[in-house]
Amino acid sequence: AVLEEVGKLAGQFGMARIVIEGHTDGSMRGQVPASLVKELSFNRANSVKEALVRKFQSLDPNRFAVEGVGWERPADPNDPENHAKNRRVEVRVFSAEKG
């Protein structure tokens, strides 16, 4: 359902820039290198991009920016140990308005 919504928004705003951010939880902090966590979060976000491009073949893959944020920005800074909430992907659609 979320892919459908993002696909609709991307279609409505043909020149929009779409940023997909992957996030991870901090459960392995101090046990694995931060670079591996960033890679995991990037792969998480990129898999969403690939699913969107596959499902909506009219979308230009170059309109997407994919970022791996890692554990740097927990969903709820007051509850950074909420691992389920922190394992996520955020999608932002920026319209291409003249400013």
Protein backbone atom coordinates (compact mmCIF):
# COMPACT_ATOMS: atom_id res chain seq x y z
CA ALA A 1 0.00 0.00 0.00
CA VAL A 2 2.87 2.39 0.77
CA LEU A 3 4.49 1.72 -2.61
CA GLU A 4 1.17 2.58 -4.28
CA GLU A 5 1.00 5.89 -2.40
CA VAL A 6 4.58 6.84 -3.26
CA GLY A 7 4.04 5.84 -6.88
CA LYS A 8 0.92 8.05 -7.07
CA LEU A 9 2.74 11.02 -5.57
CA ALA A 10 5.69 10.57 -7.90
CA GLY A 11 3.31 10.37 -10.85
CA GLN A 12 1.38 13.48 -9.80
CA PHE A 13 4.55 15.51 -9.43
CA GLY A 14 6.41 14.54 -12.56
CA MET A 15 9.45 16.67 -11.80
CA ALA A 16 9.58 15.84 -8.10
CA ARG A 17 12.76 14.62 -6.48
CA ILE A 18 12.25 11.54 -4.33
CA VAL A 19 14.60 10.88 -1.43
CA ILE A 20 14.56 7.43 0.16
CA GLU A 21 16.38 7.10 3.48
CA GLY A 22 17.18 3.79 5.13
CA HIS A 23 17.56 3.61 8.91
CA THR A 24 18.70 0.91 11.32
CA ASP A 25 18.40 0.34 15.02
CA GLY A 26 21.30 0.75 17.42
CA SER A 27 21.17 -2.75 18.85
CA MET A 28 24.63 -3.62 17.48
CA ARG A 29 26.28 -0.32 18.44
CA GLY A 30 29.82 -1.03 19.62
CA GLN A 31 29.75 -4.54 18.13
CA VAL A 32 29.84 -3.83 14.38
CA PRO A 33 31.50 -1.01 12.44
CA ALA A 34 29.30 1.99 11.67
CA SER A 35 30.25 1.60 8.00
CA LEU A 36 28.49 -1.78 7.85
CA VAL A 37 25.41 -0.29 9.47
CA LYS A 38 25.37 2.52 6.91
CA GLU A 39 25.69 -0.06 4.14
CA LEU A 40 22.77 -2.04 5.56
CA SER A 41 20.60 1.07 5.77
CA PHE A 42 21.58 2.07 2.22
CA ASN A 43 20.67 -1.39 0.93
CA ARG A 44 17.35 -1.17 2.78
CA ALA A 45 16.53 2.14 1.08
CA ASN A 46 17.78 0.98 -2.31
CA SER A 47 15.55 -2.09 -2.21
CA VAL A 48 12.55 0.24 -1.81
CA LYS A 49 13.73 2.28 -4.80
CA GLU A 50 14.15 -0.87 -6.87
CA ALA A 51 10.66 -2.06 -5.91
CA LEU A 52 9.18 1.30 -6.93
CA VAL A 53 10.98 1.36 -10.27
CA ARG A 54 9.95 -2.23 -10.95
CA LYS A 55 6.31 -1.63 -10.03
CA PHE A 56 6.01 1.74 -11.78
CA GLN A 57 8.06 1.41 -14.93
CA SER A 58 7.19 4.93 -16.03
CA LEU A 59 9.21 6.37 -13.12
CA ASP A 60 12.66 7.62 -14.02
CA PRO A 61 15.19 5.95 -11.67
CA ASN A 62 17.30 9.13 -11.82
CA ARG A 63 14.61 11.03 -9.89
CA PHE A 64 15.49 9.04 -6.78
CA ALA A 65 18.21 9.75 -4.26
CA VAL A 66 19.01 6.89 -1.88
CA GLU A 67 20.70 7.46 1.47
CA GLY A 68 21.87 5.14 4.20
CA VAL A 69 21.50 6.97 7.50
CA GLY A 70 22.32 4.07 9.81
CA TRP A 71 21.47 4.49 13.48
CA GLU A 72 22.26 8.21 13.59
CA ARG A 73 18.64 9.47 13.65
CA PRO A 74 16.34 7.31 15.75
CA ALA A 75 12.62 7.61 14.95
CA ASP A 76 11.97 8.80 18.50
CA PRO A 77 15.03 10.49 20.04
CA ASN A 78 13.42 10.11 23.47
CA ASP A 79 13.25 6.34 22.99
CA PRO A 80 16.35 5.37 20.94
CA GLU A 81 16.13 1.78 22.19
CA ASN A 82 12.84 1.15 20.36
CA HIS A 83 14.52 -1.06 17.79
CA ALA A 84 11.40 -1.96 15.80
CA LYS A 85 10.57 1.71 15.24
CA ASN A 86 14.14 2.53 14.23
CA ARG A 87 14.37 -0.16 11.52
CA ARG A 88 12.60 1.81 8.82
CA VAL A 89 12.67 3.53 5.46
CA GLU A 90 11.49 7.10 5.05
CA VAL A 91 10.38 8.43 1.68
CA ARG A 92 10.22 12.14 0.98
CA VAL A 93 8.79 13.65 -2.19
CA PHE A 94 10.02 17.15 -2.99
CA SER A 95 8.05 18.99 -5.66
CA ALA A 96 10.05 20.89 -8.24
CA GLU A 97 8.49 24.30 -7.64
CA LYS A 98 10.23 27.41 -8.83
CA GLY A 99 11.30 29.49 -5.89
